[in-house]
Amino acid sequence: MKNNFYYTAPTDEQFNELKEKAIKIWQTYDDTYGYQSEKVNKIKDMGNISDNFMYIVAMFDSENQTKLSYSLSYETRKSVSDKVKSGGSPSEYNMFIEEE
């Protein structure tokens, strides 16, 4: 059973940081067929409610989650990591874990 923490919205500061960094990653993609703009448009007007924070993370494959992780502040990265853990994902799939 998933912990409710996964579905709890983070601070607005963390949400906005994640959203901004995610959009920057999507904007590196070719938009010939509208793929990049489709992803950006899904994110740009998204509100900080429920699990939207984790929805943004889940839009990426593990390689891009790693890129996203490295672009985030410690606080935001830890918030994502904690939510991934509370959602029941094994640590090898958590690209946001802080190195000890």
C-alpha atoms as a PDB file:
ATOM      1  CA  MET A   1       0.000   0.000   0.000  1.00  0.00           C
ATOM      2  CA  LYS A   2       1.386   3.362  -0.994  1.00  0.00           C
ATOM      3  CA  ASN A   3       2.013   5.998   1.608  1.00  0.00           C
ATOM      4  CA  ASN A   4      -0.080   9.165   1.354  1.00  0.00           C
ATOM      5  CA  PHE A   5       3.164  11.170   1.373  1.00  0.00           C
ATOM      6  CA  TYR A   6       3.646  10.256  -2.303  1.00  0.00           C
ATOM      7  CA  TYR A   7       0.397  12.083  -3.112  1.00  0.00           C
ATOM      8  CA  THR A   8       1.113  15.097  -0.917  1.00  0.00           C
ATOM      9  CA  ALA A   9       2.108  18.253  -2.784  1.00  0.00           C
ATOM     10  CA  PRO A  10       5.582  19.630  -1.986  1.00  0.00           C
ATOM     11  CA  THR A  11       6.291  23.277  -1.227  1.00  0.00           C
ATOM     12  CA  ASP A  12       5.498  25.690  -4.062  1.00  0.00           C
ATOM     13  CA  GLU A  13       9.207  26.509  -4.282  1.00  0.00           C
ATOM     14  CA  GLN A  14      10.117  22.841  -4.842  1.00  0.00           C
ATOM     15  CA  PHE A  15       7.290  22.311  -7.307  1.00  0.00           C
ATOM     16  CA  ASN A  16       8.203  25.390  -9.342  1.00  0.00           C
ATOM     17  CA  GLU A  17      11.879  24.427  -9.388  1.00  0.00           C
ATOM     18  CA  LEU A  18      11.074  20.914 -10.604  1.00  0.00           C
ATOM     19  CA  LYS A  19       8.687  22.232 -13.233  1.00  0.00           C
ATOM     20  CA  GLU A  20      11.224  24.769 -14.526  1.00  0.00           C
ATOM     21  CA  LYS A  21      14.041  22.210 -14.737  1.00  0.00           C
ATOM     22  CA  ALA A  22      11.802  19.616 -16.391  1.00  0.00           C
ATOM     23  CA  ILE A  23      10.710  22.108 -19.041  1.00  0.00           C
ATOM     24  CA  LYS A  24      14.368  22.958 -19.740  1.00  0.00           C
ATOM     25  CA  ILE A  25      15.124  19.280 -20.346  1.00  0.00           C
ATOM     26  CA  TRP A  26      12.120  18.835 -22.651  1.00  0.00           C
ATOM     27  CA  GLN A  27      13.160  21.934 -24.603  1.00  0.00           C
ATOM     28  CA  THR A  28      16.400  20.188 -25.592  1.00  0.00           C
ATOM     29  CA  TYR A  29      14.359  17.747 -27.708  1.00  0.00           C
ATOM     30  CA  ASP A  30      13.521  18.177 -31.373  1.00  0.00           C
ATOM     31  CA  ASP A  31       9.989  19.466 -31.883  1.00  0.00           C
ATOM     32  CA  THR A  32       9.559  18.462 -35.525  1.00  0.00           C
ATOM     33  CA  TYR A  33       6.548  16.284 -34.689  1.00  0.00           C
ATOM     34  CA  GLY A  34       5.339  18.290 -31.685  1.00  0.00           C
ATOM     35  CA  TYR A  35       6.692  15.846 -29.096  1.00  0.00           C
ATOM     36  CA  GLN A  36       8.634  18.440 -27.125  1.00  0.00           C
ATOM     37  CA  SER A  37       5.878  21.071 -27.146  1.00  0.00           C
ATOM     38  CA  GLU A  38       3.315  18.443 -26.113  1.00  0.00           C
ATOM     39  CA  LYS A  39       5.365  17.597 -23.014  1.00  0.00           C
ATOM     40  CA  VAL A  40       6.070  21.254 -22.170  1.00  0.00           C
ATOM     41  CA  ASN A  41       2.392  22.149 -22.573  1.00  0.00           C
ATOM     42  CA  LYS A  42       1.388  19.361 -20.169  1.00  0.00           C
ATOM     43  CA  ILE A  43       3.720  20.772 -17.532  1.00  0.00           C
ATOM     44  CA  LYS A  44       3.660  24.556 -17.908  1.00  0.00           C
ATOM     45  CA  ASP A  45       0.191  25.222 -16.495  1.00  0.00           C
ATOM     46  CA  MET A  46       0.160  22.319 -14.044  1.00  0.00           C
ATOM     47  CA  GLY A  47      -0.721  23.246 -10.490  1.00  0.00           C
ATOM     48  CA  ASN A  48       0.963  22.091  -7.312  1.00  0.00           C
ATOM     49  CA  ILE A  49      -1.707  19.638  -6.215  1.00  0.00           C
ATOM     50  CA  SER A  50      -1.723  15.974  -5.212  1.00  0.00           C
ATOM     51  CA  ASP A  51       0.913  13.960  -7.112  1.00  0.00           C
ATOM     52  CA  ASN A  52       1.551  16.404  -9.983  1.00  0.00           C
ATOM     53  CA  PHE A  53       5.111  16.747  -8.653  1.00  0.00           C
ATOM     54  CA  MET A  54       5.713  13.045  -9.185  1.00  0.00           C
ATOM     55  CA  TYR A  55       3.760  13.016 -12.463  1.00  0.00           C
ATOM     56  CA  ILE A  56       6.367  15.413 -13.875  1.00  0.00           C
ATOM     57  CA  VAL A  57       9.175  13.119 -12.693  1.00  0.00           C
ATOM     58  CA  ALA A  58       7.440  10.050 -14.151  1.00  0.00           C
ATOM     59  CA  MET A  59       7.335  11.664 -17.602  1.00  0.00           C
ATOM     60  CA  PHE A  60      11.066  10.962 -17.906  1.00  0.00           C
ATOM     61  CA  ASP A  61      13.029   7.770 -18.486  1.00  0.00           C
ATOM     62  CA  SER A  62      15.805   6.939 -16.012  1.00  0.00           C
ATOM     63  CA  GLU A  63      18.493   8.758 -18.013  1.00  0.00           C
ATOM     64  CA  ASN A  64      16.506  11.988 -18.010  1.00  0.00           C
ATOM     65  CA  GLN A  65      15.500  11.511 -14.372  1.00  0.00           C
ATOM     66  CA  THR A  66      19.225  11.452 -13.612  1.00  0.00           C
ATOM     67  CA  LYS A  67      19.713  14.699 -15.574  1.00  0.00           C
ATOM     68  CA  LEU A  68      16.777  16.220 -13.728  1.00  0.00           C
ATOM     69  CA  SER A  69      18.156  15.075 -10.376  1.00  0.00           C
ATOM     70  CA  TYR A  70      21.523  16.746 -10.988  1.00  0.00           C
ATOM     71  CA  SER A  71      19.828  20.011 -11.915  1.00  0.00           C
ATOM     72  CA  LEU A  72      17.809  20.281  -8.688  1.00  0.00           C
ATOM     73  CA  SER A  73      18.666  21.815  -5.346  1.00  0.00           C
ATOM     74  CA  TYR A  74      19.343  19.440  -2.466  1.00  0.00           C
ATOM     75  CA  GLU A  75      15.932  20.139  -0.881  1.00  0.00           C
ATOM     76  CA  THR A  76      13.952  19.436  -4.038  1.00  0.00           C
ATOM     77  CA  ARG A  77      16.004  16.362  -4.919  1.00  0.00           C
ATOM     78  CA  LYS A  78      15.479  14.985  -1.399  1.00  0.00           C
ATOM     79  CA  SER A  79      11.737  15.642  -1.620  1.00  0.00           C
ATOM     80  CA  VAL A  80      11.524  13.647  -4.861  1.00  0.00           C
ATOM     81  CA  SER A  81      13.675  10.870  -3.412  1.00  0.00           C
ATOM     82  CA  ASP A  82      11.525  10.634  -0.293  1.00  0.00           C
ATOM     83  CA  LYS A  83       8.355  10.458  -2.392  1.00  0.00           C
ATOM     84  CA  VAL A  84       9.848   7.761  -4.639  1.00  0.00           C
ATOM     85  CA  LYS A  85      10.707   5.743  -1.531  1.00  0.00           C
ATOM     86  CA  SER A  86       7.253   6.249  -0.012  1.00  0.00           C
ATOM     87  CA  GLY A  87       5.691   5.099  -3.281  1.00  0.00           C
ATOM     88  CA  GLY A  88       7.397   1.754  -2.855  1.00  0.00           C
ATOM     89  CA  SER A  89       9.999   1.903  -5.635  1.00  0.00           C
ATOM     90  CA  PRO A  90      13.228  -0.005  -4.989  1.00  0.00           C
ATOM     91  CA  SER A  91      16.260   2.199  -4.413  1.00  0.00           C
ATOM     92  CA  GLU A  92      17.902   1.118  -7.690  1.00  0.00           C
ATOM     93  CA  TYR A  93      15.079   2.926  -9.515  1.00  0.00           C
ATOM     94  CA  ASN A  94      15.402   6.081  -7.430  1.00  0.00           C
ATOM     95  CA  MET A  95      17.593   8.446  -9.447  1.00  0.00           C
ATOM     96  CA  PHE A  96      17.188  11.133  -6.776  1.00  0.00           C
ATOM     97  CA  ILE A  97      18.824   9.374  -3.809  1.00  0.00           C
ATOM     98  CA  GLU A  98      21.399  11.498  -2.064  1.00  0.00           C
ATOM     99  CA  GLU A  99      24.849  10.009  -1.864  1.00  0.00           C
ATOM    100  CA  GLU A 100      25.911   9.532   1.726  1.00  0.00           C
END
